[in-house]
Amino acid sequence: MSWLGEDEKAVDIVHQRAAGMDVSKRDAIIAVRRPGKRKGTYVTEIKTFSATTKQVLGRERP
């Protein structure tokens, strides 16, 4: 049994782009989701950065 009709989705997309970050003592993981080249598709990019002081201070902003 489904509560959704034929034309309904379980989740409405409110934002086309989203980002998330997980920071620990060892590293930081950044994820960015953006629209893909084709309609209705999305691309997710995930990057991991070391959290040592030397490496954090050496990073430049893109």
PDB file of N, CA and C in Angstrom:
ATOM      1  N   MET A   1       0.836  -1.179   0.000  1.00  0.00           N
ATOM      2  CA  MET A   1       0.000   0.000   0.000  1.00  0.00           C
ATOM      3  C   MET A   1       0.884   1.246   0.000  1.00  0.00           C
ATOM      4  N   SER A   2       0.582   2.177  -0.863  1.00  0.00           N
ATOM      5  CA  SER A   2       1.387   3.390  -0.965  1.00  0.00           C
ATOM      6  C   SER A   2       0.544   4.606  -0.620  1.00  0.00           C
ATOM      7  N   TRP A   3       1.152   5.520   0.129  1.00  0.00           N
ATOM      8  CA  TRP A   3       0.458   6.760   0.470  1.00  0.00           C
ATOM      9  C   TRP A   3       0.608   7.810  -0.619  1.00  0.00           C
ATOM     10  N   LEU A   4       1.495   7.556  -1.579  1.00  0.00           N
ATOM     11  CA  LEU A   4       1.764   8.525  -2.633  1.00  0.00           C
ATOM     12  C   LEU A   4       0.929   8.224  -3.864  1.00  0.00           C
ATOM     13  N   GLY A   5       0.493   9.274  -4.520  1.00  0.00           N
ATOM     14  CA  GLY A   5      -0.200   9.113  -5.786  1.00  0.00           C
ATOM     15  C   GLY A   5       0.807   8.866  -6.898  1.00  0.00           C
ATOM     16  N   GLU A   6       0.329   8.625  -8.108  1.00  0.00           N
ATOM     17  CA  GLU A   6       1.226   8.333  -9.235  1.00  0.00           C
ATOM     18  C   GLU A   6       2.174   9.477  -9.548  1.00  0.00           C
ATOM     19  N   ASP A   7       1.717  10.717  -9.409  1.00  0.00           N
ATOM     20  CA  ASP A   7       2.526  11.879  -9.772  1.00  0.00           C
ATOM     21  C   ASP A   7       3.292  12.477  -8.596  1.00  0.00           C
ATOM     22  N   GLU A   8       3.223  11.857  -7.423  1.00  0.00           N
ATOM     23  CA  GLU A   8       3.872  12.415  -6.240  1.00  0.00           C
ATOM     24  C   GLU A   8       5.219  11.756  -5.981  1.00  0.00           C
ATOM     25  N   LYS A   9       6.132  12.544  -5.442  1.00  0.00           N
ATOM     26  CA  LYS A   9       7.454  12.049  -5.055  1.00  0.00           C
ATOM     27  C   LYS A   9       7.516  11.967  -3.534  1.00  0.00           C
ATOM     28  N   ALA A  10       8.369  11.103  -3.028  1.00  0.00           N
ATOM     29  CA  ALA A  10       8.524  10.967  -1.583  1.00  0.00           C
ATOM     30  C   ALA A  10       9.172  12.206  -0.971  1.00  0.00           C
ATOM     31  N   VAL A  11      10.053  12.875  -1.741  1.00  0.00           N
ATOM     32  CA  VAL A  11      10.757  14.054  -1.249  1.00  0.00           C
ATOM     33  C   VAL A  11      10.712  15.130  -2.322  1.00  0.00           C
ATOM     34  N   ASP A  12      10.345  16.333  -1.943  1.00  0.00           N
ATOM     35  CA  ASP A  12      10.399  17.458  -2.873  1.00  0.00           C
ATOM     36  C   ASP A  12      11.778  18.078  -2.803  1.00  0.00           C
ATOM     37  N   ILE A  13      12.365  18.392  -3.948  1.00  0.00           N
ATOM     38  CA  ILE A  13      13.670  19.042  -3.973  1.00  0.00           C
ATOM     39  C   ILE A  13      13.454  20.534  -3.761  1.00  0.00           C
ATOM     40  N   VAL A  14      14.027  21.050  -2.695  1.00  0.00           N
ATOM     41  CA  VAL A  14      13.872  22.453  -2.354  1.00  0.00           C
ATOM     42  C   VAL A  14      15.042  23.264  -2.898  1.00  0.00           C
ATOM     43  N   HIS A  15      16.243  22.698  -2.835  1.00  0.00           N
ATOM     44  CA  HIS A  15      17.444  23.382  -3.296  1.00  0.00           C
ATOM     45  C   HIS A  15      18.120  22.535  -4.373  1.00  0.00           C
ATOM     46  N   GLN A  16      18.582  23.158  -5.422  1.00  0.00           N
ATOM     47  CA  GLN A  16      19.283  22.448  -6.483  1.00  0.00           C
ATOM     48  C   GLN A  16      20.704  22.081  -6.080  1.00  0.00           C
ATOM     49  N   ARG A  17      21.290  22.855  -5.175  1.00  0.00           N
ATOM     50  CA  ARG A  17      22.671  22.612  -4.742  1.00  0.00           C
ATOM     51  C   ARG A  17      22.700  22.447  -3.226  1.00  0.00           C
ATOM     52  N   ALA A  18      23.585  21.566  -2.759  1.00  0.00           N
ATOM     53  CA  ALA A  18      23.722  21.355  -1.314  1.00  0.00           C
ATOM     54  C   ALA A  18      25.166  20.982  -1.004  1.00  0.00           C
ATOM     55  N   ALA A  19      25.574  21.252   0.232  1.00  0.00           N
ATOM     56  CA  ALA A  19      26.924  20.901   0.668  1.00  0.00           C
ATOM     57  C   ALA A  19      26.861  20.397   2.100  1.00  0.00           C
ATOM     58  N   GLY A  20      27.799  19.521   2.418  1.00  0.00           N
ATOM     59  CA  GLY A  20      27.883  19.000   3.777  1.00  0.00           C
ATOM     60  C   GLY A  20      29.338  18.867   4.168  1.00  0.00           C
ATOM     61  N   MET A  21      29.590  18.914   5.474  1.00  0.00           N
ATOM     62  CA  MET A  21      30.954  18.831   5.956  1.00  0.00           C
ATOM     63  C   MET A  21      30.995  17.990   7.229  1.00  0.00           C
ATOM     64  N   ASP A  22      31.974  17.112   7.319  1.00  0.00           N
ATOM     65  CA  ASP A  22      32.199  16.296   8.512  1.00  0.00           C
ATOM     66  C   ASP A  22      33.639  16.538   8.944  1.00  0.00           C
ATOM     67  N   VAL A  23      33.815  17.102  10.130  1.00  0.00           N
ATOM     68  CA  VAL A  23      35.148  17.433  10.622  1.00  0.00           C
ATOM     69  C   VAL A  23      35.461  16.557  11.827  1.00  0.00           C
ATOM     70  N   SER A  24      36.622  15.937  11.805  1.00  0.00           N
ATOM     71  CA  SER A  24      37.090  15.142  12.939  1.00  0.00           C
ATOM     72  C   SER A  24      38.493  15.614  13.309  1.00  0.00           C
ATOM     73  N   LYS A  25      39.091  15.003  14.309  1.00  0.00           N
ATOM     74  CA  LYS A  25      40.453  15.377  14.698  1.00  0.00           C
ATOM     75  C   LYS A  25      41.448  15.053  13.596  1.00  0.00           C
ATOM     76  N   ARG A  26      41.151  14.065  12.798  1.00  0.00           N
ATOM     77  CA  ARG A  26      42.084  13.573  11.783  1.00  0.00           C
ATOM     78  C   ARG A  26      41.927  14.246  10.419  1.00  0.00           C
ATOM     79  N   ASP A  27      40.666  14.516  10.021  1.00  0.00           N
ATOM     80  CA  ASP A  27      40.441  15.068   8.684  1.00  0.00           C
ATOM     81  C   ASP A  27      39.100  15.783   8.592  1.00  0.00           C
ATOM     82  N   ALA A  28      38.878  16.401   7.442  1.00  0.00           N
ATOM     83  CA  ALA A  28      37.593  17.037   7.131  1.00  0.00           C
ATOM     84  C   ALA A  28      37.148  16.501   5.779  1.00  0.00           C
ATOM     85  N   ILE A  29      35.894  16.086   5.703  1.00  0.00           N
ATOM     86  CA  ILE A  29      35.345  15.563   4.457  1.00  0.00           C
ATOM     87  C   ILE A  29      34.250  16.524   4.010  1.00  0.00           C
ATOM     88  N   ILE A  30      34.374  16.990   2.770  1.00  0.00           N
ATOM     89  CA  ILE A  30      33.433  17.955   2.208  1.00  0.00           C
ATOM     90  C   ILE A  30      32.702  17.295   1.041  1.00  0.00           C
ATOM     91  N   ALA A  31      31.386  17.424   1.015  1.00  0.00           N
ATOM     92  CA  ALA A  31      30.593  16.874  -0.089  1.00  0.00           C
ATOM     93  C   ALA A  31      29.745  17.993  -0.685  1.00  0.00           C
ATOM     94  N   VAL A  32      29.715  18.069  -2.013  1.00  0.00           N
ATOM     95  CA  VAL A  32      28.928  19.070  -2.730  1.00  0.00           C
ATOM     96  C   VAL A  32      28.078  18.343  -3.759  1.00  0.00           C
ATOM     97  N   ARG A  33      26.800  18.664  -3.767  1.00  0.00           N
ATOM     98  CA  ARG A  33      25.891  18.076  -4.760  1.00  0.00           C
ATOM     99  C   ARG A  33      25.342  19.200  -5.615  1.00  0.00           C
ATOM    100  N   ARG A  34      25.435  19.021  -6.933  1.00  0.00           N
ATOM    101  CA  ARG A  34      24.974  20.050  -7.867  1.00  0.00           C
ATOM    102  C   ARG A  34      24.273  19.381  -9.049  1.00  0.00           C
ATOM    103  N   PRO A  35      23.496  20.151  -9.805  1.00  0.00           N
ATOM    104  CA  PRO A  35      22.810  19.560 -10.957  1.00  0.00           C
ATOM    105  C   PRO A  35      23.810  19.018 -11.979  1.00  0.00           C
ATOM    106  N   GLY A  36      23.442  17.905 -12.619  1.00  0.00           N
ATOM    107  CA  GLY A  36      24.272  17.315 -13.665  1.00  0.00           C
ATOM    108  C   GLY A  36      23.986  17.955 -15.010  1.00  0.00           C
ATOM    109  N   LYS A  37      24.601  17.432 -16.040  1.00  0.00           N
ATOM    110  CA  LYS A  37      24.424  17.985 -17.389  1.00  0.00           C
ATOM    111  C   LYS A  37      23.033  17.697 -17.952  1.00  0.00           C
ATOM    112  N   ARG A  38      22.473  16.548 -17.573  1.00  0.00           N
ATOM    113  CA  ARG A  38      21.133  16.194 -18.044  1.00  0.00           C
ATOM    114  C   ARG A  38      20.088  16.549 -17.001  1.00  0.00           C
ATOM    115  N   LYS A  39      18.920  16.911 -17.447  1.00  0.00           N
ATOM    116  CA  LYS A  39      17.833  17.288 -16.562  1.00  0.00           C
ATOM    117  C   LYS A  39      17.493  16.136 -15.607  1.00  0.00           C
ATOM    118  N   GLY A  40      17.346  16.474 -14.335  1.00  0.00           N
ATOM    119  CA  GLY A  40      16.972  15.488 -13.347  1.00  0.00           C
ATOM    120  C   GLY A  40      18.124  14.667 -12.779  1.00  0.00           C
ATOM    121  N   THR A  41      19.363  14.973 -13.208  1.00  0.00           N
ATOM    122  CA  THR A  41      20.515  14.248 -12.682  1.00  0.00           C
ATOM    123  C   THR A  41      21.336  15.173 -11.782  1.00  0.00           C
ATOM    124  N   TYR A  42      22.114  14.554 -10.901  1.00  0.00           N
ATOM    125  CA  TYR A  42      22.940  15.312  -9.972  1.00  0.00           C
ATOM    126  C   TYR A  42      24.337  14.700  -9.903  1.00  0.00           C
ATOM    127  N   VAL A  43      25.306  15.546  -9.621  1.00  0.00           N
ATOM    128  CA  VAL A  43      26.696  15.118  -9.471  1.00  0.00           C
ATOM    129  C   VAL A  43      27.101  15.398  -8.028  1.00  0.00           C
ATOM    130  N   THR A  44      27.708  14.415  -7.390  1.00  0.00           N
ATOM    131  CA  THR A  44      28.197  14.591  -6.025  1.00  0.00           C
ATOM    132  C   THR A  44      29.712  14.493  -6.029  1.00  0.00           C
ATOM    133  N   GLU A  45      30.363  15.518  -5.504  1.00  0.00           N
ATOM    134  CA  GLU A  45      31.820  15.526  -5.387  1.00  0.00           C
ATOM    135  C   GLU A  45      32.177  15.446  -3.908  1.00  0.00           C
ATOM    136  N   ILE A  46      33.115  14.570  -3.572  1.00  0.00           N
ATOM    137  CA  ILE A  46      33.554  14.414  -2.190  1.00  0.00           C
ATOM    138  C   ILE A  46      35.064  14.587  -2.137  1.00  0.00           C
ATOM    139  N   LYS A  47      35.526  15.464  -1.244  1.00  0.00           N
ATOM    140  CA  LYS A  47      36.962  15.689  -1.072  1.00  0.00           C
ATOM    141  C   LYS A  47      37.311  15.543   0.402  1.00  0.00           C
ATOM    142  N   THR A  48      38.483  14.987   0.655  1.00  0.00           N
ATOM    143  CA  THR A  48      38.971  14.807   2.020  1.00  0.00           C
ATOM    144  C   THR A  48      40.222  15.653   2.209  1.00  0.00           C
ATOM    145  N   PHE A  49      40.247  16.412   3.309  1.00  0.00           N
ATOM    146  CA  PHE A  49      41.385  17.262   3.631  1.00  0.00           C
ATOM    147  C   PHE A  49      41.945  16.826   4.980  1.00  0.00           C
ATOM    148  N   SER A  50      43.248  16.815   5.095  1.00  0.00           N
ATOM    149  CA  SER A  50      43.886  16.499   6.365  1.00  0.00           C
ATOM    150  C   SER A  50      43.622  17.631   7.346  1.00  0.00           C
ATOM    151  N   ALA A  51      43.541  17.312   8.619  1.00  0.00           N
ATOM    152  CA  ALA A  51      43.229  18.329   9.625  1.00  0.00           C
ATOM    153  C   ALA A  51      44.446  18.741  10.452  1.00  0.00           C
ATOM    154  N   THR A  52      45.657  18.403   9.988  1.00  0.00           N
ATOM    155  CA  THR A  52      46.830  18.862  10.723  1.00  0.00           C
ATOM    156  C   THR A  52      46.984  20.364  10.509  1.00  0.00           C
ATOM    157  N   THR A  53      47.483  21.057  11.505  1.00  0.00           N
ATOM    158  CA  THR A  53      47.609  22.515  11.430  1.00  0.00           C
ATOM    159  C   THR A  53      48.415  22.945  10.213  1.00  0.00           C
ATOM    160  N   LYS A  54      49.525  22.281   9.963  1.00  0.00           N
ATOM    161  CA  LYS A  54      50.385  22.640   8.837  1.00  0.00           C
ATOM    162  C   LYS A  54      49.626  22.549   7.515  1.00  0.00           C
ATOM    163  N   GLN A  55      48.874  21.499   7.315  1.00  0.00           N
ATOM    164  CA  GLN A  55      48.158  21.326   6.069  1.00  0.00           C
ATOM    165  C   GLN A  55      46.948  22.244   5.961  1.00  0.00           C
ATOM    166  N   VAL A  56      46.272  22.510   7.070  1.00  0.00           N
ATOM    167  CA  VAL A  56      45.130  23.428   7.038  1.00  0.00           C
ATOM    168  C   VAL A  56      45.582  24.832   6.693  1.00  0.00           C
ATOM    169  N   LEU A  57      46.670  25.292   7.288  1.00  0.00           N
ATOM    170  CA  LEU A  57      47.168  26.650   7.020  1.00  0.00           C
ATOM    171  C   LEU A  57      47.745  26.776   5.619  1.00  0.00           C
ATOM    172  N   GLY A  58      48.166  25.689   5.045  1.00  0.00           N
ATOM    173  CA  GLY A  58      48.741  25.714   3.704  1.00  0.00           C
ATOM    174  C   GLY A  58      47.703  25.700   2.584  1.00  0.00           C
ATOM    175  N   ARG A  59      46.455  25.472   2.908  1.00  0.00           N
ATOM    176  CA  ARG A  59      45.397  25.430   1.888  1.00  0.00           C
ATOM    177  C   ARG A  59      45.028  26.841   1.455  1.00  0.00           C
ATOM    178  N   GLU A  60      44.827  27.004   0.169  1.00  0.00           N
ATOM    179  CA  GLU A  60      44.381  28.282  -0.370  1.00  0.00           C
ATOM    180  C   GLU A  60      42.918  28.160  -0.734  1.00  0.00           C
ATOM    181  N   ARG A  61      42.205  29.258  -0.659  1.00  0.00           N
ATOM    182  CA  ARG A  61      40.800  29.247  -1.074  1.00  0.00           C
ATOM    183  C   ARG A  61      40.730  29.128  -2.582  1.00  0.00           C
ATOM    184  N   PRO A  62      39.800  28.328  -3.077  1.00  0.00           N
ATOM    185  CA  PRO A  62      39.642  28.200  -4.549  1.00  0.00           C
ATOM    186  C   PRO A  62      39.130  29.457  -5.188  1.00  0.00           C
TER     187      PRO A  62
END
